[in-house]
Protein backbone atom coordinates (compact mmCIF):
# COMPACT_ATOMS: atom_id res chain seq x y z
CA MET A 1 11.31 10.54 12.80
CA LYS A 2 12.47 13.12 10.31
CA GLY A 3 15.06 13.46 7.62
CA GLY A 4 16.89 11.26 5.19
CA PRO A 5 19.50 11.48 2.48
CA PRO A 6 19.08 14.01 -0.31
CA GLU A 7 16.50 12.87 -2.82
CA ALA A 8 18.02 10.90 -5.67
CA GLY A 9 16.89 10.02 -9.14
CA PRO A 10 15.51 6.53 -9.70
CA PRO A 11 17.86 3.76 -10.88
CA ARG A 12 17.43 2.44 -14.41
CA SER A 13 17.83 -1.24 -13.60
CA LEU A 14 17.30 -3.74 -10.82
CA PRO A 15 19.74 -3.39 -7.90
CA GLN A 16 22.81 -5.55 -8.50
CA ASN A 17 23.07 -6.12 -4.75
CA LEU A 18 19.41 -6.45 -3.78
CA LYS A 19 19.02 -6.35 -0.01
CA ALA A 20 15.36 -5.52 0.54
CA VAL A 21 11.93 -5.44 -1.08
CA ILE A 22 9.38 -3.01 0.36
CA PHE A 23 5.68 -3.18 -0.36
CA ASP A 24 2.72 -0.89 -0.04
CA LEU A 25 0.05 -2.70 1.99
CA ASP A 26 -3.51 -2.33 0.66
CA GLY A 27 -3.80 -3.28 -3.00
CA THR A 28 -0.19 -4.44 -3.31
CA LEU A 29 0.71 -6.94 -0.59
CA VAL A 30 -2.77 -7.65 0.77
CA ASP A 31 -6.19 -7.60 -0.88
CA THR A 32 -8.32 -5.69 1.64
CA ALA A 33 -11.00 -4.32 -0.70
CA ASP A 34 -13.55 -7.01 0.13
CA GLU A 35 -13.59 -5.64 3.67
CA PHE A 36 -14.07 -2.03 2.59
CA VAL A 37 -16.87 -2.76 0.12
CA PRO A 38 -19.40 -3.86 2.77
CA VAL A 39 -18.24 -1.07 5.07
CA VAL A 40 -18.98 1.62 2.50
CA GLN A 41 -22.28 -0.07 1.60
CA ALA A 42 -23.25 -0.11 5.29
CA LEU A 43 -22.35 3.57 5.66
CA ARG A 44 -24.49 4.38 2.64
CA ALA A 45 -27.39 2.35 4.04
CA GLU A 46 -27.22 4.29 7.30
CA HIS A 47 -27.82 7.44 5.27
CA GLY A 48 -30.62 6.06 3.15
CA HIS A 49 -28.56 5.39 0.01
CA GLY A 50 -28.79 2.26 -2.12
CA GLU A 51 -25.87 -0.01 -2.88
CA MET A 52 -23.00 1.28 -5.02
CA ASP A 53 -21.14 -0.62 -7.71
CA PRO A 54 -18.53 -2.59 -5.69
CA GLN A 55 -15.88 -1.96 -8.37
CA ARG A 56 -16.09 1.78 -7.76
CA ILE A 57 -15.37 1.18 -4.09
CA ARG A 58 -12.53 -1.27 -4.77
CA ALA A 59 -10.83 1.19 -7.12
CA SER A 60 -10.78 3.86 -4.40
CA VAL A 61 -9.52 1.79 -1.46
CA SER A 62 -5.89 2.92 -1.86
CA ASN A 63 -7.01 6.54 -1.53
CA GLY A 64 -7.92 6.01 2.12
CA ALA A 65 -10.87 6.59 4.43
CA ARG A 66 -11.49 10.18 3.39
CA ALA A 67 -11.82 9.23 -0.25
CA LEU A 68 -14.16 6.37 0.62
CA VAL A 69 -16.43 8.67 2.62
CA SER A 70 -16.45 11.23 -0.19
CA LEU A 71 -17.24 8.51 -2.71
CA GLY A 72 -19.79 6.65 -0.64
CA LEU A 73 -21.74 9.64 0.58
CA ASP A 74 -20.97 12.04 -2.27
CA MET A 75 -19.77 14.43 0.39
CA SER A 76 -17.09 17.12 0.28
CA GLU A 77 -14.32 16.97 2.87
CA ASP A 78 -15.27 20.55 3.74
CA ALA A 79 -18.72 19.47 4.94
CA PRO A 80 -19.20 20.09 8.70
CA GLU A 81 -20.29 16.50 9.30
CA PHE A 82 -17.50 14.92 7.23
CA GLU A 83 -15.22 14.05 10.14
CA SER A 84 -17.98 12.26 12.03
CA LYS A 85 -18.73 10.19 8.92
CA ARG A 86 -15.03 9.34 8.54
CA LEU A 87 -14.89 8.14 12.13
CA ARG A 88 -18.03 6.10 11.59
CA LEU A 89 -16.50 4.44 8.53
CA LEU A 90 -13.40 3.55 10.55
CA GLU A 91 -15.61 2.18 13.34
CA LEU A 92 -17.37 -0.08 10.83
CA TYR A 93 -14.02 -1.12 9.35
CA SER A 94 -12.67 -2.06 12.79
CA GLU A 95 -15.50 -4.56 13.14
CA VAL A 96 -14.40 -6.53 10.04
CA LEU A 97 -10.67 -5.77 9.86
CA GLY A 98 -8.71 -8.91 8.99
CA SER A 99 -11.78 -11.13 8.60
CA ILE A 100 -11.69 -11.30 4.79
CA ALA A 101 -8.38 -9.72 3.74
CA LYS A 102 -5.62 -11.99 2.51
CA PRO A 103 -2.23 -11.71 0.81
CA TYR A 104 -2.41 -11.65 -2.97
CA PRO A 105 -1.64 -14.90 -4.85
CA GLY A 106 2.07 -15.59 -5.10
CA ILE A 107 3.06 -13.31 -2.21
CA ALA A 108 3.77 -16.22 0.16
CA SER A 109 6.04 -17.86 -2.41
CA LEU A 110 7.83 -14.58 -3.08
CA LEU A 111 8.45 -13.86 0.60
CA GLY A 112 9.66 -17.41 1.13
CA GLU A 113 12.14 -17.10 -1.72
CA LEU A 114 13.36 -13.73 -0.45
CA HIS A 115 13.97 -15.32 2.94
CA ILE A 116 15.95 -18.19 1.40
CA ARG A 117 18.15 -15.66 -0.40
CA GLY A 118 18.69 -13.52 2.69
CA ILE A 119 16.75 -10.58 1.25
CA ALA A 120 14.77 -8.61 3.82
CA TRP A 121 11.27 -7.30 3.27
CA GLY A 122 9.17 -4.52 4.72
CA ILE A 123 6.02 -2.45 4.41
CA SER A 124 5.55 1.27 3.81
CA THR A 125 1.91 2.26 4.09
CA ASN A 126 -0.27 5.32 4.59
CA LYS A 127 -2.60 3.11 6.66
CA PRO A 128 -2.48 4.20 10.32
CA ARG A 129 -0.74 1.84 12.72
CA ALA A 130 -3.98 1.36 14.68
CA TYR A 131 -5.30 -0.60 11.68
CA THR A 132 -2.05 -1.92 10.20
CA GLU A 133 -0.90 -3.82 13.28
CA PRO A 134 -4.17 -5.72 13.93
CA LEU A 135 -4.40 -6.60 10.25
CA LEU A 136 -0.87 -8.01 10.15
CA GLN A 137 -1.41 -9.88 13.41
CA ARG A 138 -4.51 -11.59 12.05
CA LEU A 139 -2.90 -12.43 8.72
CA ASN A 140 0.28 -13.73 10.41
CA ILE A 141 2.34 -13.43 7.23
CA GLN A 142 5.53 -15.49 7.40
CA PRO A 143 8.33 -14.64 7.45
CA GLN A 144 7.35 -11.48 9.26
CA PRO A 145 8.41 -8.10 7.85
CA GLY A 146 11.63 -6.62 9.14
CA SER A 147 10.19 -3.11 8.96
CA VAL A 148 6.66 -1.68 9.00
CA VAL A 149 6.41 2.08 8.57
CA CYS A 150 3.05 3.82 9.00
CA PRO A 151 2.19 7.53 8.80
CA ASP A 152 2.40 7.64 12.60
CA ASP A 153 6.16 7.06 12.32
CA VAL A 154 7.05 9.96 10.03
CA SER A 155 6.38 13.65 9.64
CA GLU A 156 5.63 13.42 5.89
CA ARG A 157 3.41 10.78 4.26
CA LYS A 158 4.00 9.30 0.85
CA PRO A 159 4.62 10.56 -1.80
CA HIS A 160 7.36 12.06 0.36
CA PRO A 161 10.19 9.48 0.58
CA GLU A 162 10.67 9.82 4.35
CA SER A 163 8.90 6.54 5.15
CA LEU A 164 11.07 4.64 2.67
CA TYR A 165 14.23 6.12 4.15
CA LEU A 166 13.09 4.83 7.54
CA ASN A 167 12.36 1.39 6.06
CA CYS A 168 15.87 1.27 4.66
CA ARG A 169 17.46 2.23 7.97
CA GLU A 170 15.49 -0.49 9.74
CA LEU A 171 16.34 -3.03 7.05
CA ASN A 172 20.02 -2.03 7.02
CA CYS A 173 20.23 -1.15 3.34
CA SER A 174 20.52 1.89 1.14
CA PRO A 175 17.61 2.95 -1.11
CA SER A 176 19.66 1.91 -4.15
CA GLU A 177 19.73 -1.64 -2.75
CA ALA A 178 15.95 -1.86 -2.39
CA ILE A 179 12.83 -2.24 -4.53
CA TYR A 180 9.51 -0.58 -3.78
CA VAL A 181 6.23 -2.07 -5.05
CA GLY A 182 3.01 -0.05 -4.95
CA ASP A 183 -0.38 0.37 -6.59
CA HIS A 184 -0.69 4.16 -6.50
CA GLN A 185 1.13 7.04 -8.14
CA ARG A 186 2.16 8.29 -4.71
CA ASP A 187 4.00 5.00 -4.11
CA ILE A 188 5.97 5.24 -7.31
CA GLU A 189 6.74 8.91 -6.72
CA ALA A 190 7.98 8.14 -3.21
CA GLY A 191 10.18 5.32 -4.50
CA ARG A 192 11.58 7.42 -7.32
CA ARG A 193 12.34 10.31 -4.98
CA ALA A 194 14.10 7.92 -2.62
CA GLY A 195 16.25 6.58 -5.46
CA MET A 196 14.67 3.12 -5.51
CA TYR A 197 13.81 0.76 -8.32
CA THR A 198 10.01 0.81 -8.50
CA ILE A 199 7.35 -1.66 -9.61
CA ALA A 200 3.79 -0.49 -10.26
CA ALA A 201 1.26 -3.10 -9.10
CA THR A 202 -1.32 -2.60 -11.84
CA TYR A 203 -3.41 -5.40 -10.33
CA GLY A 204 -4.17 -3.16 -7.34
CA TYR A 205 -6.79 -0.53 -6.57
CA ILE A 206 -6.58 1.94 -9.44
CA GLU A 207 -9.20 4.52 -10.42
CA PRO A 208 -10.71 4.01 -13.90
CA ASP A 209 -9.34 7.35 -15.15
CA ASP A 210 -5.83 6.70 -13.82
CA ASP A 211 -3.09 5.20 -15.99
CA PRO A 212 -0.33 3.44 -14.03
CA TYR A 213 1.84 3.44 -17.15
CA ASN A 214 2.17 7.20 -16.70
CA TRP A 215 3.50 6.99 -13.15
CA GLY A 216 7.13 6.60 -14.16
CA ALA A 217 7.73 3.17 -12.61
CA ASN A 218 10.66 1.08 -13.78
CA THR A 219 8.36 -1.81 -14.60
CA HIS A 220 4.80 -3.05 -14.04
CA ALA A 221 3.19 -6.17 -12.54
CA GLY A 222 -0.16 -6.95 -14.13
CA CYS A 223 -0.67 -9.78 -11.66
CA SER A 224 0.79 -10.41 -8.22
CA THR A 225 2.18 -13.74 -9.37
CA GLU A 226 4.46 -11.86 -11.77
CA LEU A 227 6.40 -10.24 -8.93
CA LEU A 228 8.61 -13.28 -8.33
CA SER A 229 9.97 -13.22 -11.87
CA LEU A 230 10.20 -9.43 -12.01
CA ILE A 231 12.19 -9.26 -8.78
CA LEU A 232 14.19 -12.50 -8.81
CA GLY A 233 14.08 -13.51 -12.44
CA GLN A 234 12.26 -16.80 -11.89
């Protein structure tokens, strides 16, 4: 699905009529890194490499499978064998998907409070639907999201705001009535371009040389348990 309203500047304050909260998935809503760490280590072992510092892997999870292959095998994406290694990583990930991942602390309480207040919630992720849907099914997060937008559903991935426009249509709200929470600069850029209030999840998967305080978010959550007070003031 294409299109959306003209890109707007980000609001300066929380929406007065908050109707929806939208989350990035990996590193924001759900902690999935402990599944990717053994996957990358296994891929390295298959190629005769020793184990890598798990923190280096965790920090790169939000960058996706390509980044993890490049990191784990020290391989350029231009390498002829790169695509086969990416597919192998995804094959290994499919074997453990949803077995260790879990929502971050405080997320269940936040979603419950949103439900009580009649505020919808959704997910905008660059994780393909083939992996997003099984993960969500196994986690069985309640209440369930009213909108889940994956790259399969749009023509432009984040940081383009197209996915957030689709979220808003499915959640029956305008971007100015929604909040977007994410742990990567692309998330904050997408939210800003859509005209949303944005929260940088600094507890997520962030590279050591990246500074989330330079992303331009409206505010920052140093811990997932802070989201309730940041969003609902409690």
